[in-house]
Amino acid sequence: MDDVTITLLGKPGCHLCDDARAVIERVARELDVPWEERDITKSERDTEQYWEQIPVTLINGVQHDFWRVDEDRLRAAIGALRGS
């Protein structure tokens, strides 16, 4: 069972989402953490909630960051959840 899952909320054509994806892919690969991406335009609720904040990073379903992903902060949050 995985102890941490990262979710990237974004939309097509979002250059900040592309930047966030690159950081999340790198961190997830290096820390062996699963990640997923969700297109907010496919959900009225996601669109309403996150439209002005994308890209949004969730860790285990809890909002961690928005607009930009800070690689060091993401690593620290994952480490804290894992107890390391």
PDB file of N, CA and C in Angstrom:
ATOM      1  N   MET A   1       0.842  -1.177   0.000  1.00  0.00           N
ATOM      2  CA  MET A   1       0.000   0.000   0.000  1.00  0.00           C
ATOM      3  C   MET A   1       0.889   1.243   0.000  1.00  0.00           C
ATOM      4  N   ASP A   2       0.545   2.196  -0.853  1.00  0.00           N
ATOM      5  CA  ASP A   2       1.323   3.421  -0.954  1.00  0.00           C
ATOM      6  C   ASP A   2       0.921   4.392   0.145  1.00  0.00           C
ATOM      7  N   ASP A   3       1.913   4.994   0.769  1.00  0.00           N
ATOM      8  CA  ASP A   3       1.633   5.901   1.862  1.00  0.00           C
ATOM      9  C   ASP A   3       1.390   7.330   1.416  1.00  0.00           C
ATOM     10  N   VAL A   4       1.793   7.659   0.203  1.00  0.00           N
ATOM     11  CA  VAL A   4       1.665   9.024  -0.307  1.00  0.00           C
ATOM     12  C   VAL A   4       1.274   8.966  -1.776  1.00  0.00           C
ATOM     13  N   THR A   5       0.321   9.803  -2.159  1.00  0.00           N
ATOM     14  CA  THR A   5      -0.023   9.975  -3.570  1.00  0.00           C
ATOM     15  C   THR A   5      -0.079  11.467  -3.862  1.00  0.00           C
ATOM     16  N   ILE A   6       0.551  11.874  -4.959  1.00  0.00           N
ATOM     17  CA  ILE A   6       0.538  13.264  -5.406  1.00  0.00           C
ATOM     18  C   ILE A   6      -0.484  13.379  -6.522  1.00  0.00           C
ATOM     19  N   THR A   7      -1.284  14.435  -6.483  1.00  0.00           N
ATOM     20  CA  THR A   7      -2.234  14.709  -7.556  1.00  0.00           C
ATOM     21  C   THR A   7      -1.955  16.105  -8.085  1.00  0.00           C
ATOM     22  N   LEU A   8      -1.859  16.214  -9.399  1.00  0.00           N
ATOM     23  CA  LEU A   8      -1.708  17.505 -10.067  1.00  0.00           C
ATOM     24  C   LEU A   8      -3.045  17.857 -10.696  1.00  0.00           C
ATOM     25  N   LEU A   9      -3.597  18.998 -10.313  1.00  0.00           N
ATOM     26  CA  LEU A   9      -4.823  19.503 -10.922  1.00  0.00           C
ATOM     27  C   LEU A   9      -4.434  20.585 -11.909  1.00  0.00           C
ATOM     28  N   GLY A  10      -4.883  20.441 -13.146  1.00  0.00           N
ATOM     29  CA  GLY A  10      -4.546  21.418 -14.165  1.00  0.00           C
ATOM     30  C   GLY A  10      -5.559  21.398 -15.278  1.00  0.00           C
ATOM     31  N   LYS A  11      -5.173  21.989 -16.400  1.00  0.00           N
ATOM     32  CA  LYS A  11      -6.037  21.986 -17.587  1.00  0.00           C
ATOM     33  C   LYS A  11      -5.152  22.026 -18.821  1.00  0.00           C
ATOM     34  N   PRO A  12      -5.678  21.588 -19.946  1.00  0.00           N
ATOM     35  CA  PRO A  12      -4.893  21.610 -21.182  1.00  0.00           C
ATOM     36  C   PRO A  12      -4.472  23.040 -21.544  1.00  0.00           C
ATOM     37  N   GLY A  13      -3.254  23.153 -22.084  1.00  0.00           N
ATOM     38  CA  GLY A  13      -2.756  24.442 -22.549  1.00  0.00           C
ATOM     39  C   GLY A  13      -2.213  25.341 -21.450  1.00  0.00           C
ATOM     40  N   CYS A  14      -2.062  24.821 -20.258  1.00  0.00           N
ATOM     41  CA  CYS A  14      -1.583  25.605 -19.114  1.00  0.00           C
ATOM     42  C   CYS A  14      -0.067  25.412 -19.001  1.00  0.00           C
ATOM     43  N   HIS A  15       0.709  26.463 -19.300  1.00  0.00           N
ATOM     44  CA  HIS A  15       2.171  26.315 -19.262  1.00  0.00           C
ATOM     45  C   HIS A  15       2.686  26.125 -17.839  1.00  0.00           C
ATOM     46  N   LEU A  16       2.036  26.718 -16.850  1.00  0.00           N
ATOM     47  CA  LEU A  16       2.451  26.488 -15.466  1.00  0.00           C
ATOM     48  C   LEU A  16       2.199  25.035 -15.062  1.00  0.00           C
ATOM     49  N   CYS A  17       1.137  24.443 -15.633  1.00  0.00           N
ATOM     50  CA  CYS A  17       0.846  23.021 -15.371  1.00  0.00           C
ATOM     51  C   CYS A  17       1.954  22.146 -15.948  1.00  0.00           C
ATOM     52  N   ASP A  18       2.466  22.523 -17.116  1.00  0.00           N
ATOM     53  CA  ASP A  18       3.569  21.779 -17.723  1.00  0.00           C
ATOM     54  C   ASP A  18       4.803  21.829 -16.823  1.00  0.00           C
ATOM     55  N   ASP A  19       5.086  23.017 -16.276  1.00  0.00           N
ATOM     56  CA  ASP A  19       6.223  23.168 -15.365  1.00  0.00           C
ATOM     57  C   ASP A  19       6.020  22.321 -14.103  1.00  0.00           C
ATOM     58  N   ALA A  20       4.815  22.377 -13.550  1.00  0.00           N
ATOM     59  CA  ALA A  20       4.502  21.616 -12.337  1.00  0.00           C
ATOM     60  C   ALA A  20       4.623  20.114 -12.596  1.00  0.00           C
ATOM     61  N   ARG A  21       4.142  19.677 -13.752  1.00  0.00           N
ATOM     62  CA  ARG A  21       4.209  18.258 -14.110  1.00  0.00           C
ATOM     63  C   ARG A  21       5.650  17.766 -14.127  1.00  0.00           C
ATOM     64  N   ALA A  22       6.548  18.563 -14.673  1.00  0.00           N
ATOM     65  CA  ALA A  22       7.960  18.170 -14.749  1.00  0.00           C
ATOM     66  C   ALA A  22       8.546  17.991 -13.343  1.00  0.00           C
ATOM     67  N   VAL A  23       8.234  18.906 -12.437  1.00  0.00           N
ATOM     68  CA  VAL A  23       8.744  18.808 -11.064  1.00  0.00           C
ATOM     69  C   VAL A  23       8.145  17.593 -10.363  1.00  0.00           C
ATOM     70  N   ILE A  24       6.839  17.424 -10.481  1.00  0.00           N
ATOM     71  CA  ILE A  24       6.166  16.309  -9.812  1.00  0.00           C
ATOM     72  C   ILE A  24       6.659  14.975 -10.353  1.00  0.00           C
ATOM     73  N   GLU A  25       6.807  14.869 -11.671  1.00  0.00           N
ATOM     74  CA  GLU A  25       7.326  13.618 -12.260  1.00  0.00           C
ATOM     75  C   GLU A  25       8.700  13.273 -11.687  1.00  0.00           C
ATOM     76  N   ARG A  26       9.564  14.276 -11.602  1.00  0.00           N
ATOM     77  CA  ARG A  26      10.929  14.058 -11.112  1.00  0.00           C
ATOM     78  C   ARG A  26      10.914  13.615  -9.642  1.00  0.00           C
ATOM     79  N   VAL A  27      10.202  14.345  -8.804  1.00  0.00           N
ATOM     80  CA  VAL A  27      10.151  14.027  -7.377  1.00  0.00           C
ATOM     81  C   VAL A  27       9.495  12.665  -7.158  1.00  0.00           C
ATOM     82  N   ALA A  28       8.399  12.409  -7.843  1.00  0.00           N
ATOM     83  CA  ALA A  28       7.687  11.135  -7.682  1.00  0.00           C
ATOM     84  C   ALA A  28       8.575   9.960  -8.084  1.00  0.00           C
ATOM     85  N   ARG A  29       9.295  10.122  -9.175  1.00  0.00           N
ATOM     86  CA  ARG A  29      10.195   9.047  -9.636  1.00  0.00           C
ATOM     87  C   ARG A  29      11.321   8.812  -8.635  1.00  0.00           C
ATOM     88  N   GLU A  30      11.946   9.888  -8.182  1.00  0.00           N
ATOM     89  CA  GLU A  30      13.079   9.765  -7.266  1.00  0.00           C
ATOM     90  C   GLU A  30      12.678   9.216  -5.892  1.00  0.00           C
ATOM     91  N   LEU A  31      11.465   9.564  -5.428  1.00  0.00           N
ATOM     92  CA  LEU A  31      11.014   9.116  -4.114  1.00  0.00           C
ATOM     93  C   LEU A  31      10.105   7.893  -4.187  1.00  0.00           C
ATOM     94  N   ASP A  32       9.910   7.386  -5.401  1.00  0.00           N
ATOM     95  CA  ASP A  32       9.062   6.216  -5.632  1.00  0.00           C
ATOM     96  C   ASP A  32       7.657   6.430  -5.058  1.00  0.00           C
ATOM     97  N   VAL A  33       7.050   7.540  -5.480  1.00  0.00           N
ATOM     98  CA  VAL A  33       5.713   7.924  -5.041  1.00  0.00           C
ATOM     99  C   VAL A  33       4.793   7.952  -6.266  1.00  0.00           C
ATOM    100  N   PRO A  34       3.615   7.346  -6.167  1.00  0.00           N
ATOM    101  CA  PRO A  34       2.690   7.422  -7.298  1.00  0.00           C
ATOM    102  C   PRO A  34       2.118   8.830  -7.431  1.00  0.00           C
ATOM    103  N   TRP A  35       1.806   9.191  -8.671  1.00  0.00           N
ATOM    104  CA  TRP A  35       1.173  10.489  -8.889  1.00  0.00           C
ATOM    105  C   TRP A  35       0.153  10.346 -10.001  1.00  0.00           C
ATOM    106  N   GLU A  36      -0.778  11.280 -10.016  1.00  0.00           N
ATOM    107  CA  GLU A  36      -1.830  11.289 -11.029  1.00  0.00           C
ATOM    108  C   GLU A  36      -2.100  12.721 -11.433  1.00  0.00           C
ATOM    109  N   GLU A  37      -2.750  12.863 -12.558  1.00  0.00           N
ATOM    110  CA  GLU A  37      -3.095  14.191 -13.037  1.00  0.00           C
ATOM    111  C   GLU A  37      -4.593  14.232 -13.294  1.00  0.00           C
ATOM    112  N   ARG A  38      -5.228  15.336 -12.898  1.00  0.00           N
ATOM    113  CA  ARG A  38      -6.660  15.503 -13.094  1.00  0.00           C
ATOM    114  C   ARG A  38      -6.919  16.809 -13.825  1.00  0.00           C
ATOM    115  N   ASP A  39      -7.677  16.727 -14.909  1.00  0.00           N
ATOM    116  CA  ASP A  39      -8.062  17.883 -15.721  1.00  0.00           C
ATOM    117  C   ASP A  39      -9.287  18.519 -15.071  1.00  0.00           C
ATOM    118  N   ILE A  40      -9.134  19.738 -14.552  1.00  0.00           N
ATOM    119  CA  ILE A  40     -10.247  20.367 -13.842  1.00  0.00           C
ATOM    120  C   ILE A  40     -11.417  20.690 -14.763  1.00  0.00           C
ATOM    121  N   THR A  41     -11.173  20.772 -16.069  1.00  0.00           N
ATOM    122  CA  THR A  41     -12.275  21.104 -16.981  1.00  0.00           C
ATOM    123  C   THR A  41     -13.249  19.937 -17.147  1.00  0.00           C
ATOM    124  N   LYS A  42     -12.899  18.786 -16.644  1.00  0.00           N
ATOM    125  CA  LYS A  42     -13.780  17.617 -16.740  1.00  0.00           C
ATOM    126  C   LYS A  42     -14.723  17.503 -15.540  1.00  0.00           C
ATOM    127  N   SER A  43     -14.596  18.419 -14.586  1.00  0.00           N
ATOM    128  CA  SER A  43     -15.429  18.399 -13.381  1.00  0.00           C
ATOM    129  C   SER A  43     -15.865  19.824 -13.049  1.00  0.00           C
ATOM    130  N   GLU A  44     -17.173  20.031 -13.000  1.00  0.00           N
ATOM    131  CA  GLU A  44     -17.691  21.360 -12.662  1.00  0.00           C
ATOM    132  C   GLU A  44     -17.209  21.785 -11.273  1.00  0.00           C
ATOM    133  N   ARG A  45     -17.182  20.855 -10.344  1.00  0.00           N
ATOM    134  CA  ARG A  45     -16.735  21.155  -8.982  1.00  0.00           C
ATOM    135  C   ARG A  45     -15.254  21.563  -8.973  1.00  0.00           C
ATOM    136  N   ASP A  46     -14.401  20.783  -9.650  1.00  0.00           N
ATOM    137  CA  ASP A  46     -12.970  21.128  -9.715  1.00  0.00           C
ATOM    138  C   ASP A  46     -12.763  22.480 -10.382  1.00  0.00           C
ATOM    139  N   THR A  47     -13.494  22.725 -11.474  1.00  0.00           N
ATOM    140  CA  THR A  47     -13.355  23.995 -12.189  1.00  0.00           C
ATOM    141  C   THR A  47     -13.709  25.156 -11.274  1.00  0.00           C
ATOM    142  N   GLU A  48     -14.828  25.041 -10.572  1.00  0.00           N
ATOM    143  CA  GLU A  48     -15.273  26.099  -9.680  1.00  0.00           C
ATOM    144  C   GLU A  48     -14.283  26.317  -8.531  1.00  0.00           C
ATOM    145  N   GLN A  49     -13.784  25.231  -7.978  1.00  0.00           N
ATOM    146  CA  GLN A  49     -12.921  25.319  -6.802  1.00  0.00           C
ATOM    147  C   GLN A  49     -11.494  25.765  -7.134  1.00  0.00           C
ATOM    148  N   TYR A  50     -10.946  25.323  -8.280  1.00  0.00           N
ATOM    149  CA  TYR A  50      -9.511  25.501  -8.527  1.00  0.00           C
ATOM    150  C   TYR A  50      -9.148  26.392  -9.715  1.00  0.00           C
ATOM    151  N   TRP A  51     -10.112  26.897 -10.459  1.00  0.00           N
ATOM    152  CA  TRP A  51      -9.846  27.607 -11.711  1.00  0.00           C
ATOM    153  C   TRP A  51      -8.755  28.671 -11.578  1.00  0.00           C
ATOM    154  N   GLU A  52      -8.804  29.474 -10.546  1.00  0.00           N
ATOM    155  CA  GLU A  52      -7.856  30.588 -10.410  1.00  0.00           C
ATOM    156  C   GLU A  52      -6.554  30.199  -9.721  1.00  0.00           C
ATOM    157  N   GLN A  53      -6.392  28.915  -9.369  1.00  0.00           N
ATOM    158  CA  GLN A  53      -5.202  28.495  -8.632  1.00  0.00           C
ATOM    159  C   GLN A  53      -4.312  27.533  -9.408  1.00  0.00           C
ATOM    160  N   ILE A  54      -4.763  27.025 -10.543  1.00  0.00           N
ATOM    161  CA  ILE A  54      -3.997  25.964 -11.205  1.00  0.00           C
ATOM    162  C   ILE A  54      -2.628  26.458 -11.646  1.00  0.00           C
ATOM    163  N   PRO A  55      -1.680  25.551 -11.628  1.00  0.00           N
ATOM    164  CA  PRO A  55      -1.772  24.169 -11.188  1.00  0.00           C
ATOM    165  C   PRO A  55      -1.840  24.067  -9.672  1.00  0.00           C
ATOM    166  N   VAL A  56      -2.592  23.082  -9.216  1.00  0.00           N
ATOM    167  CA  VAL A  56      -2.731  22.815  -7.791  1.00  0.00           C
ATOM    168  C   VAL A  56      -2.132  21.443  -7.519  1.00  0.00           C
ATOM    169  N   THR A  57      -1.351  21.355  -6.470  1.00  0.00           N
ATOM    170  CA  THR A  57      -0.760  20.085  -6.062  1.00  0.00           C
ATOM    171  C   THR A  57      -1.449  19.615  -4.793  1.00  0.00           C
ATOM    172  N   LEU A  58      -1.933  18.372  -4.818  1.00  0.00           N
ATOM    173  CA  LEU A  58      -2.521  17.749  -3.643  1.00  0.00           C
ATOM    174  C   LEU A  58      -1.601  16.623  -3.198  1.00  0.00           C
ATOM    175  N   ILE A  59      -1.494  16.436  -1.910  1.00  0.00           N
ATOM    176  CA  ILE A  59      -0.799  15.264  -1.365  1.00  0.00           C
ATOM    177  C   ILE A  59      -1.833  14.524  -0.528  1.00  0.00           C
ATOM    178  N   ASN A  60      -2.095  13.293  -0.926  1.00  0.00           N
ATOM    179  CA  ASN A  60      -3.132  12.489  -0.264  1.00  0.00           C
ATOM    180  C   ASN A  60      -4.457  13.239  -0.189  1.00  0.00           C
ATOM    181  N   GLY A  61      -4.779  13.963  -1.267  1.00  0.00           N
ATOM    182  CA  GLY A  61      -6.063  14.656  -1.354  1.00  0.00           C
ATOM    183  C   GLY A  61      -6.139  15.993  -0.661  1.00  0.00           C
ATOM    184  N   VAL A  62      -5.051  16.424  -0.028  1.00  0.00           N
ATOM    185  CA  VAL A  62      -5.027  17.699   0.696  1.00  0.00           C
ATOM    186  C   VAL A  62      -4.189  18.694  -0.100  1.00  0.00           C
ATOM    187  N   GLN A  63      -4.716  19.904  -0.271  1.00  0.00           N
ATOM    188  CA  GLN A  63      -3.991  20.904  -1.058  1.00  0.00           C
ATOM    189  C   GLN A  63      -2.660  21.237  -0.402  1.00  0.00           C
ATOM    190  N   HIS A  64      -1.612  21.161  -1.225  1.00  0.00           N
ATOM    191  CA  HIS A  64      -0.249  21.421  -0.763  1.00  0.00           C
ATOM    192  C   HIS A  64       0.271  22.735  -1.333  1.00  0.00           C
ATOM    193  N   ASP A  65       0.071  22.963  -2.601  1.00  0.00           N
ATOM    194  CA  ASP A  65       0.603  24.132  -3.299  1.00  0.00           C
ATOM    195  C   ASP A  65      -0.331  24.546  -4.416  1.00  0.00           C
ATOM    196  N   PHE A  66      -0.142  25.762  -4.921  1.00  0.00           N
ATOM    197  CA  PHE A  66      -0.827  26.195  -6.131  1.00  0.00           C
ATOM    198  C   PHE A  66       0.057  27.177  -6.876  1.00  0.00           C
ATOM    199  N   TRP A  67      -0.224  27.348  -8.156  1.00  0.00           N
ATOM    200  CA  TRP A  67       0.502  28.165  -9.124  1.00  0.00           C
ATOM    201  C   TRP A  67       1.870  27.608  -9.486  1.00  0.00           C
ATOM    202  N   ARG A  68       2.686  27.328  -8.521  1.00  0.00           N
ATOM    203  CA  ARG A  68       4.014  26.761  -8.791  1.00  0.00           C
ATOM    204  C   ARG A  68       4.302  25.652  -7.789  1.00  0.00           C
ATOM    205  N   VAL A  69       5.102  24.695  -8.212  1.00  0.00           N
ATOM    206  CA  VAL A  69       5.493  23.609  -7.322  1.00  0.00           C
ATOM    207  C   VAL A  69       6.936  23.855  -6.894  1.00  0.00           C
ATOM    208  N   ASP A  70       7.127  24.003  -5.599  1.00  0.00           N
ATOM    209  CA  ASP A  70       8.463  24.152  -5.049  1.00  0.00           C
ATOM    210  C   ASP A  70       8.995  22.746  -4.766  1.00  0.00           C
ATOM    211  N   GLU A  71      10.014  22.345  -5.503  1.00  0.00           N
ATOM    212  CA  GLU A  71      10.527  20.978  -5.416  1.00  0.00           C
ATOM    213  C   GLU A  71      10.989  20.615  -4.000  1.00  0.00           C
ATOM    214  N   ASP A  72      11.713  21.498  -3.350  1.00  0.00           N
ATOM    215  CA  ASP A  72      12.201  21.219  -1.996  1.00  0.00           C
ATOM    216  C   ASP A  72      11.045  21.089  -1.003  1.00  0.00           C
ATOM    217  N   ARG A  73      10.061  21.954  -1.133  1.00  0.00           N
ATOM    218  CA  ARG A  73       8.895  21.916  -0.246  1.00  0.00           C
ATOM    219  C   ARG A  73       8.097  20.623  -0.454  1.00  0.00           C
ATOM    220  N   LEU A  74       7.966  20.192  -1.705  1.00  0.00           N
ATOM    221  CA  LEU A  74       7.259  18.949  -2.010  1.00  0.00           C
ATOM    222  C   LEU A  74       7.994  17.756  -1.399  1.00  0.00           C
ATOM    223  N   ARG A  75       9.306  17.732  -1.577  1.00  0.00           N
ATOM    224  CA  ARG A  75      10.114  16.647  -0.987  1.00  0.00           C
ATOM    225  C   ARG A  75       9.977  16.630   0.548  1.00  0.00           C
ATOM    226  N   ALA A  76      10.020  17.800   1.162  1.00  0.00           N
ATOM    227  CA  ALA A  76       9.913  17.890   2.618  1.00  0.00           C
ATOM    228  C   ALA A  76       8.555  17.393   3.102  1.00  0.00           C
ATOM    229  N   ALA A  77       7.494  17.759   2.391  1.00  0.00           N
ATOM    230  CA  ALA A  77       6.149  17.326   2.792  1.00  0.00           C
ATOM    231  C   ALA A  77       6.008  15.815   2.691  1.00  0.00           C
ATOM    232  N   ILE A  78       6.546  15.236   1.633  1.00  0.00           N
ATOM    233  CA  ILE A  78       6.494  13.779   1.472  1.00  0.00           C
ATOM    234  C   ILE A  78       7.320  13.091   2.563  1.00  0.00           C
ATOM    235  N   GLY A  79       8.501  13.650   2.828  1.00  0.00           N
ATOM    236  CA  GLY A  79       9.349  13.100   3.884  1.00  0.00           C
ATOM    237  C   GLY A  79       8.654  13.158   5.235  1.00  0.00           C
ATOM    238  N   ALA A  80       7.965  14.245   5.533  1.00  0.00           N
ATOM    239  CA  ALA A  80       7.266  14.381   6.806  1.00  0.00           C
ATOM    240  C   ALA A  80       6.150  13.353   6.931  1.00  0.00           C
ATOM    241  N   LEU A  81       5.441  13.094   5.831  1.00  0.00           N
ATOM    242  CA  LEU A  81       4.371  12.100   5.869  1.00  0.00           C
ATOM    243  C   LEU A  81       4.910  10.694   6.051  1.00  0.00           C
ATOM    244  N   ARG A  82       6.101  10.477   5.540  1.00  0.00           N
ATOM    245  CA  ARG A  82       6.721   9.154   5.657  1.00  0.00           C
ATOM    246  C   ARG A  82       7.489   8.999   6.962  1.00  0.00           C
ATOM    247  N   GLY A  83       7.610  10.090   7.702  1.00  0.00           N
ATOM    248  CA  GLY A  83       8.325  10.024   8.975  1.00  0.00           C
ATOM    249  C   GLY A  83       9.834  10.017   8.837  1.00  0.00           C
ATOM    250  N   SER A  84      10.304  10.564   7.702  1.00  0.00           N
ATOM    251  CA  SER A  84      11.772  10.594   7.521  1.00  0.00           C
ATOM    252  C   SER A  84      12.283  12.007   7.381  1.00  0.00           C
TER     253      SER A  84
END
